[in-house]
Amino acid sequence: MNKDDLKARLILSLRQQGIRDMRVLEAIEKTPRELFVADAFKDQAWDDTALPIESGQTISQPYIVAYMTEQLDVQPNMRVLEIGTGSGYQAAVLSRLARRVYTMERHRNLLNKARERFEKLGLNNIVARTADGEKGWPEAAPFDRIIVTAAAASIPKALLAQLAEGGIMIIPVNETPMYQRLVKVTRTPEGFEREKLLPVRFVPLMTGVARAQ
């Protein structure tokens, strides 16, 4: 199959799995996933599967990217914080939906490569930095949406504090040492509402900044 056929097959698969937001599907269709995967896996770039990247991290399965993005309900005027840039793929998808995306990564080598991809694609509404994701980005807060792409033992209080009223956060949370679940947090005038979503498997959310590699 050529690239267009592979892309069409993936979009059809996402629709069959329940992804309905056409803006999300279009953002995924327009984001060249082959640019975000390692050379050894480029032939699998449009498969609906997670793939390994550098520093022991992964690029998420397209269905999970689409599902989390759809649950975020990102609107064009919104500012989004992403914890865990990784390859930059999720941030690139979000950048097609939001006014501005702030993305944080603890591995400097990953962030540098992600920045190069953003520049190559002309995604000028992404701001990226190397930092401890658990602390968020307080000087740019509050955020309309927050997405975390690593599993936390519990939801970091700093991220809750940086979520705007009416804002939504999607985060994988450990339920047992071997089991994680996506949690959707909505900030209301009275506090925070939590809704459990899909079981998932993500790399753990680590504190601090990784040593240079």
C-alpha atoms as a PDB file:
ATOM      1  CA  MET A   1       0.000   0.000   0.000  1.00  0.00           C
ATOM      2  CA  ASN A   2       1.148   3.551  -0.616  1.00  0.00           C
ATOM      3  CA  LYS A   3       1.138   6.222   2.099  1.00  0.00           C
ATOM      4  CA  ASP A   4      -2.296   7.592   1.177  1.00  0.00           C
ATOM      5  CA  ASP A   5      -3.833   4.108   1.339  1.00  0.00           C
ATOM      6  CA  LEU A   6      -2.195   3.427   4.712  1.00  0.00           C
ATOM      7  CA  LYS A   7      -3.435   6.777   6.017  1.00  0.00           C
ATOM      8  CA  ALA A   8      -6.983   6.093   4.772  1.00  0.00           C
ATOM      9  CA  ARG A   9      -6.914   2.656   6.403  1.00  0.00           C
ATOM     10  CA  LEU A  10      -5.911   4.179   9.750  1.00  0.00           C
ATOM     11  CA  ILE A  11      -8.602   6.880   9.633  1.00  0.00           C
ATOM     12  CA  LEU A  12     -11.221   4.249   8.790  1.00  0.00           C
ATOM     13  CA  SER A  13     -10.012   2.120  11.712  1.00  0.00           C
ATOM     14  CA  LEU A  14     -10.256   5.094  14.098  1.00  0.00           C
ATOM     15  CA  ARG A  15     -13.816   5.793  12.947  1.00  0.00           C
ATOM     16  CA  GLN A  16     -14.739   2.140  13.393  1.00  0.00           C
ATOM     17  CA  GLN A  17     -13.346   2.296  16.950  1.00  0.00           C
ATOM     18  CA  GLY A  18     -15.665   5.187  17.780  1.00  0.00           C
ATOM     19  CA  ILE A  19     -13.708   8.365  17.047  1.00  0.00           C
ATOM     20  CA  ARG A  20     -16.340  10.791  15.744  1.00  0.00           C
ATOM     21  CA  ASP A  21     -14.798  14.268  15.985  1.00  0.00           C
ATOM     22  CA  MET A  22     -13.960  15.184  12.392  1.00  0.00           C
ATOM     23  CA  ARG A  23     -11.511  17.877  13.526  1.00  0.00           C
ATOM     24  CA  VAL A  24      -9.526  15.256  15.436  1.00  0.00           C
ATOM     25  CA  LEU A  25      -9.552  12.831  12.501  1.00  0.00           C
ATOM     26  CA  GLU A  26      -8.455  15.601  10.144  1.00  0.00           C
ATOM     27  CA  ALA A  27      -5.628  16.651  12.486  1.00  0.00           C
ATOM     28  CA  ILE A  28      -4.334  13.073  12.579  1.00  0.00           C
ATOM     29  CA  GLU A  29      -4.666  12.720   8.820  1.00  0.00           C
ATOM     30  CA  LYS A  30      -2.661  15.926   8.267  1.00  0.00           C
ATOM     31  CA  THR A  31       0.120  15.073  10.741  1.00  0.00           C
ATOM     32  CA  PRO A  32       2.794  12.927   9.033  1.00  0.00           C
ATOM     33  CA  ARG A  33       3.408  10.255  11.660  1.00  0.00           C
ATOM     34  CA  GLU A  34       6.343   8.852   9.673  1.00  0.00           C
ATOM     35  CA  LEU A  35       8.264  12.009  10.621  1.00  0.00           C
ATOM     36  CA  PHE A  36       7.908  11.164  14.337  1.00  0.00           C
ATOM     37  CA  VAL A  37       8.987   7.507  14.359  1.00  0.00           C
ATOM     38  CA  ALA A  38      12.463   5.983  14.243  1.00  0.00           C
ATOM     39  CA  ASP A  39      13.823   5.034  10.811  1.00  0.00           C
ATOM     40  CA  ALA A  40      13.570   1.335  11.674  1.00  0.00           C
ATOM     41  CA  PHE A  41       9.794   1.661  12.128  1.00  0.00           C
ATOM     42  CA  LYS A  42       8.838   3.990   9.273  1.00  0.00           C
ATOM     43  CA  ASP A  43       7.053   1.144   7.481  1.00  0.00           C
ATOM     44  CA  GLN A  44       4.750   0.901  10.532  1.00  0.00           C
ATOM     45  CA  ALA A  45       4.175   4.646  10.924  1.00  0.00           C
ATOM     46  CA  TRP A  46       0.511   4.488   9.839  1.00  0.00           C
ATOM     47  CA  ASP A  47      -0.294   1.268  11.713  1.00  0.00           C
ATOM     48  CA  ASP A  48      -2.538   1.610  14.764  1.00  0.00           C
ATOM     49  CA  THR A  49       0.177   0.631  17.201  1.00  0.00           C
ATOM     50  CA  ALA A  50       2.561   2.215  19.710  1.00  0.00           C
ATOM     51  CA  LEU A  51       6.219   2.259  18.682  1.00  0.00           C
ATOM     52  CA  PRO A  52       9.481   2.700  20.613  1.00  0.00           C
ATOM     53  CA  ILE A  53      11.456   5.938  20.409  1.00  0.00           C
ATOM     54  CA  GLU A  54      14.676   7.071  22.091  1.00  0.00           C
ATOM     55  CA  SER A  55      15.310   7.199  25.851  1.00  0.00           C
ATOM     56  CA  GLY A  56      13.043   4.222  26.555  1.00  0.00           C
ATOM     57  CA  GLN A  57       9.922   6.183  25.595  1.00  0.00           C
ATOM     58  CA  THR A  58       7.167   5.455  23.072  1.00  0.00           C
ATOM     59  CA  ILE A  59       5.030   7.170  20.464  1.00  0.00           C
ATOM     60  CA  SER A  60       1.459   6.338  21.449  1.00  0.00           C
ATOM     61  CA  GLN A  61      -0.942   4.242  19.412  1.00  0.00           C
ATOM     62  CA  PRO A  62      -2.917   6.536  17.066  1.00  0.00           C
ATOM     63  CA  TYR A  63      -6.210   5.381  18.589  1.00  0.00           C
ATOM     64  CA  ILE A  64      -5.074   6.489  22.054  1.00  0.00           C
ATOM     65  CA  VAL A  65      -3.880   9.831  20.647  1.00  0.00           C
ATOM     66  CA  ALA A  66      -7.233  10.296  18.908  1.00  0.00           C
ATOM     67  CA  TYR A  67      -9.251   9.192  21.944  1.00  0.00           C
ATOM     68  CA  MET A  68      -7.412  11.427  24.425  1.00  0.00           C
ATOM     69  CA  THR A  69      -7.596  14.362  22.001  1.00  0.00           C
ATOM     70  CA  GLU A  70     -11.318  13.843  21.441  1.00  0.00           C
ATOM     71  CA  GLN A  71     -11.951  13.653  25.187  1.00  0.00           C
ATOM     72  CA  LEU A  72     -10.061  16.945  25.664  1.00  0.00           C
ATOM     73  CA  ASP A  73     -12.557  18.732  23.381  1.00  0.00           C
ATOM     74  CA  VAL A  74      -9.987  21.314  22.262  1.00  0.00           C
ATOM     75  CA  GLN A  75     -11.408  24.485  20.683  1.00  0.00           C
ATOM     76  CA  PRO A  76      -9.527  26.913  18.389  1.00  0.00           C
ATOM     77  CA  ASN A  77      -9.126  29.653  21.016  1.00  0.00           C
ATOM     78  CA  MET A  78      -7.671  27.375  23.706  1.00  0.00           C
ATOM     79  CA  ARG A  79      -4.257  27.095  25.345  1.00  0.00           C
ATOM     80  CA  VAL A  80      -3.171  23.513  25.984  1.00  0.00           C
ATOM     81  CA  LEU A  81      -0.433  22.160  28.261  1.00  0.00           C
ATOM     82  CA  GLU A  82       1.101  18.791  27.378  1.00  0.00           C
ATOM     83  CA  ILE A  83       3.268  16.885  29.858  1.00  0.00           C
ATOM     84  CA  GLY A  84       5.577  14.482  28.033  1.00  0.00           C
ATOM     85  CA  THR A  85       6.531  15.742  24.568  1.00  0.00           C
ATOM     86  CA  GLY A  86       8.218  12.503  23.517  1.00  0.00           C
ATOM     87  CA  SER A  87       8.522  12.474  19.732  1.00  0.00           C
ATOM     88  CA  GLY A  88       6.272  15.537  19.487  1.00  0.00           C
ATOM     89  CA  TYR A  89       3.462  13.713  17.685  1.00  0.00           C
ATOM     90  CA  GLN A  90       0.683  14.431  20.189  1.00  0.00           C
ATOM     91  CA  ALA A  91       1.697  18.106  20.386  1.00  0.00           C
ATOM     92  CA  ALA A  92       1.670  18.330  16.590  1.00  0.00           C
ATOM     93  CA  VAL A  93      -1.875  16.937  16.476  1.00  0.00           C
ATOM     94  CA  LEU A  94      -3.013  19.338  19.211  1.00  0.00           C
ATOM     95  CA  SER A  95      -1.412  22.311  17.454  1.00  0.00           C
ATOM     96  CA  ARG A  96      -3.890  21.890  14.584  1.00  0.00           C
ATOM     97  CA  LEU A  97      -6.788  22.250  17.036  1.00  0.00           C
ATOM     98  CA  ALA A  98      -5.645  24.825  19.629  1.00  0.00           C
ATOM     99  CA  ARG A  99      -4.478  28.436  19.647  1.00  0.00           C
ATOM    100  CA  ARG A 100      -1.247  27.526  21.450  1.00  0.00           C
ATOM    101  CA  VAL A 101       0.335  24.342  22.793  1.00  0.00           C
ATOM    102  CA  TYR A 102       2.845  24.355  25.647  1.00  0.00           C
ATOM    103  CA  THR A 103       4.724  21.054  25.807  1.00  0.00           C
ATOM    104  CA  MET A 104       7.240  19.823  28.388  1.00  0.00           C
ATOM    105  CA  GLU A 105       9.740  16.964  28.252  1.00  0.00           C
ATOM    106  CA  ARG A 106      12.308  15.793  30.823  1.00  0.00           C
ATOM    107  CA  HIS A 107      14.629  14.306  28.147  1.00  0.00           C
ATOM    108  CA  ARG A 108      16.464  17.158  26.422  1.00  0.00           C
ATOM    109  CA  ASN A 109      17.450  15.021  23.411  1.00  0.00           C
ATOM    110  CA  LEU A 110      13.810  14.155  22.734  1.00  0.00           C
ATOM    111  CA  LEU A 111      12.727  17.772  23.040  1.00  0.00           C
ATOM    112  CA  ASN A 112      15.408  18.997  20.642  1.00  0.00           C
ATOM    113  CA  LYS A 113      14.328  16.486  17.992  1.00  0.00           C
ATOM    114  CA  ALA A 114      10.660  17.350  18.535  1.00  0.00           C
ATOM    115  CA  ARG A 115      11.444  21.046  18.052  1.00  0.00           C
ATOM    116  CA  GLU A 116      13.151  20.245  14.738  1.00  0.00           C
ATOM    117  CA  ARG A 117      10.008  18.401  13.601  1.00  0.00           C
ATOM    118  CA  PHE A 118       7.739  21.283  14.640  1.00  0.00           C
ATOM    119  CA  GLU A 119       9.922  23.701  12.693  1.00  0.00           C
ATOM    120  CA  LYS A 120       9.985  21.460   9.623  1.00  0.00           C
ATOM    121  CA  LEU A 121       6.182  21.288   9.662  1.00  0.00           C
ATOM    122  CA  GLY A 122       5.776  25.020  10.285  1.00  0.00           C
ATOM    123  CA  LEU A 123       3.925  24.471  13.570  1.00  0.00           C
ATOM    124  CA  ASN A 124       4.632  27.902  15.023  1.00  0.00           C
ATOM    125  CA  ASN A 125       2.037  27.760  17.804  1.00  0.00           C
ATOM    126  CA  ILE A 126       3.965  25.198  19.883  1.00  0.00           C
ATOM    127  CA  VAL A 127       6.186  26.328  22.767  1.00  0.00           C
ATOM    128  CA  ALA A 128       8.454  23.599  24.141  1.00  0.00           C
ATOM    129  CA  ARG A 129      10.882  23.307  27.019  1.00  0.00           C
ATOM    130  CA  THR A 130      12.809  20.776  29.083  1.00  0.00           C
ATOM    131  CA  ALA A 131      11.454  20.718  32.637  1.00  0.00           C
ATOM    132  CA  ASP A 132       9.866  18.622  35.381  1.00  0.00           C
ATOM    133  CA  GLY A 133       6.363  17.913  34.104  1.00  0.00           C
ATOM    134  CA  GLU A 134       4.896  17.320  37.565  1.00  0.00           C
ATOM    135  CA  LYS A 135       5.437  21.007  38.314  1.00  0.00           C
ATOM    136  CA  GLY A 136       3.671  22.149  35.153  1.00  0.00           C
ATOM    137  CA  TRP A 137       4.286  25.568  33.620  1.00  0.00           C
ATOM    138  CA  PRO A 138       3.045  28.002  36.302  1.00  0.00           C
ATOM    139  CA  GLU A 139       4.086  31.249  34.587  1.00  0.00           C
ATOM    140  CA  ALA A 140       1.915  30.377  31.558  1.00  0.00           C
ATOM    141  CA  ALA A 141      -1.069  29.128  33.590  1.00  0.00           C
ATOM    142  CA  PRO A 142      -4.007  28.810  33.699  1.00  0.00           C
ATOM    143  CA  PHE A 143      -4.565  26.356  30.843  1.00  0.00           C
ATOM    144  CA  ASP A 144      -7.867  25.513  29.202  1.00  0.00           C
ATOM    145  CA  ARG A 145      -6.738  21.943  28.657  1.00  0.00           C
ATOM    146  CA  ILE A 146      -3.982  19.735  30.103  1.00  0.00           C
ATOM    147  CA  ILE A 147      -2.920  16.361  28.697  1.00  0.00           C
ATOM    148  CA  VAL A 148      -0.425  14.056  30.399  1.00  0.00           C
ATOM    149  CA  THR A 149       1.183  11.290  28.348  1.00  0.00           C
ATOM    150  CA  ALA A 150       2.843   9.369  31.183  1.00  0.00           C
ATOM    151  CA  ALA A 151       1.235   7.472  34.051  1.00  0.00           C
ATOM    152  CA  ALA A 152       1.128   9.166  37.456  1.00  0.00           C
ATOM    153  CA  ALA A 153       0.788   7.514  40.851  1.00  0.00           C
ATOM    154  CA  SER A 154      -1.705  10.281  41.634  1.00  0.00           C
ATOM    155  CA  ILE A 155      -2.781  13.476  39.891  1.00  0.00           C
ATOM    156  CA  PRO A 156      -0.123  16.153  40.583  1.00  0.00           C
ATOM    157  CA  LYS A 157      -1.544  19.013  42.645  1.00  0.00           C
ATOM    158  CA  ALA A 158       0.459  21.560  40.638  1.00  0.00           C
ATOM    159  CA  LEU A 159      -1.348  20.521  37.454  1.00  0.00           C
ATOM    160  CA  LEU A 160      -4.755  20.735  39.119  1.00  0.00           C
ATOM    161  CA  ALA A 161      -3.881  24.264  40.281  1.00  0.00           C
ATOM    162  CA  GLN A 162      -2.942  25.274  36.713  1.00  0.00           C
ATOM    163  CA  LEU A 163      -6.225  24.088  35.162  1.00  0.00           C
ATOM    164  CA  ALA A 164      -8.617  26.945  34.371  1.00  0.00           C
ATOM    165  CA  GLU A 165     -12.181  26.891  35.635  1.00  0.00           C
ATOM    166  CA  GLY A 166     -14.194  24.881  33.134  1.00  0.00           C
ATOM    167  CA  GLY A 167     -10.936  23.285  31.989  1.00  0.00           C
ATOM    168  CA  ILE A 168     -10.338  19.598  31.286  1.00  0.00           C
ATOM    169  CA  MET A 169      -7.334  17.406  32.054  1.00  0.00           C
ATOM    170  CA  ILE A 170      -6.743  13.902  30.682  1.00  0.00           C
ATOM    171  CA  ILE A 171      -4.160  11.872  32.600  1.00  0.00           C
ATOM    172  CA  PRO A 172      -3.260   8.178  32.983  1.00  0.00           C
ATOM    173  CA  VAL A 173      -3.273   7.192  36.674  1.00  0.00           C
ATOM    174  CA  ASN A 174      -2.012   3.984  38.276  1.00  0.00           C
ATOM    175  CA  GLU A 175      -4.810   1.888  39.773  1.00  0.00           C
ATOM    176  CA  THR A 176      -2.429  -0.954  40.698  1.00  0.00           C
ATOM    177  CA  PRO A 177       1.314  -1.408  40.053  1.00  0.00           C
ATOM    178  CA  MET A 178       0.441  -3.097  36.739  1.00  0.00           C
ATOM    179  CA  TYR A 179      -2.787  -1.346  35.783  1.00  0.00           C
ATOM    180  CA  GLN A 180      -3.484   2.204  34.625  1.00  0.00           C
ATOM    181  CA  ARG A 181      -6.613   4.066  33.627  1.00  0.00           C
ATOM    182  CA  LEU A 182      -7.219   7.358  31.853  1.00  0.00           C
ATOM    183  CA  VAL A 183      -8.918   9.870  34.134  1.00  0.00           C
ATOM    184  CA  LYS A 184     -10.783  12.930  32.884  1.00  0.00           C
ATOM    185  CA  VAL A 185     -10.705  15.813  35.357  1.00  0.00           C
ATOM    186  CA  THR A 186     -13.012  18.805  34.899  1.00  0.00           C
ATOM    187  CA  ARG A 187     -12.562  21.923  37.043  1.00  0.00           C
ATOM    188  CA  THR A 188     -15.884  23.344  38.220  1.00  0.00           C
ATOM    189  CA  PRO A 189     -16.643  26.332  40.488  1.00  0.00           C
ATOM    190  CA  GLU A 190     -17.058  23.811  43.314  1.00  0.00           C
ATOM    191  CA  GLY A 191     -13.864  21.834  42.717  1.00  0.00           C
ATOM    192  CA  PHE A 192     -12.825  18.928  40.497  1.00  0.00           C
ATOM    193  CA  GLU A 193     -14.966  16.243  38.905  1.00  0.00           C
ATOM    194  CA  ARG A 194     -13.251  12.989  37.960  1.00  0.00           C
ATOM    195  CA  GLU A 195     -14.405  10.451  35.380  1.00  0.00           C
ATOM    196  CA  LYS A 196     -12.649   7.133  34.724  1.00  0.00           C
ATOM    197  CA  LEU A 197     -12.143   6.279  31.056  1.00  0.00           C
ATOM    198  CA  LEU A 198     -10.135   3.572  29.260  1.00  0.00           C
ATOM    199  CA  PRO A 199      -7.570   1.186  30.734  1.00  0.00           C
ATOM    200  CA  VAL A 200      -4.191   2.093  29.195  1.00  0.00           C
ATOM    201  CA  ARG A 201      -0.462   1.413  29.376  1.00  0.00           C
ATOM    202  CA  PHE A 202       1.946   4.375  29.468  1.00  0.00           C
ATOM    203  CA  VAL A 203       5.519   4.859  30.624  1.00  0.00           C
ATOM    204  CA  PRO A 204       5.672   6.243  34.198  1.00  0.00           C
ATOM    205  CA  LEU A 205       5.609   9.972  34.936  1.00  0.00           C
ATOM    206  CA  MET A 206       9.028  10.739  36.420  1.00  0.00           C
ATOM    207  CA  THR A 207      10.071  13.698  38.535  1.00  0.00           C
ATOM    208  CA  GLY A 208      12.973  15.972  37.680  1.00  0.00           C
ATOM    209  CA  VAL A 209      14.880  16.425  34.451  1.00  0.00           C
ATOM    210  CA  ALA A 210      16.755  13.492  32.940  1.00  0.00           C
ATOM    211  CA  ARG A 211      20.538  13.622  32.810  1.00  0.00           C
ATOM    212  CA  ALA A 212      22.042  14.588  29.460  1.00  0.00           C
ATOM    213  CA  GLN A 213      22.500  11.630  27.129  1.00  0.00           C
END
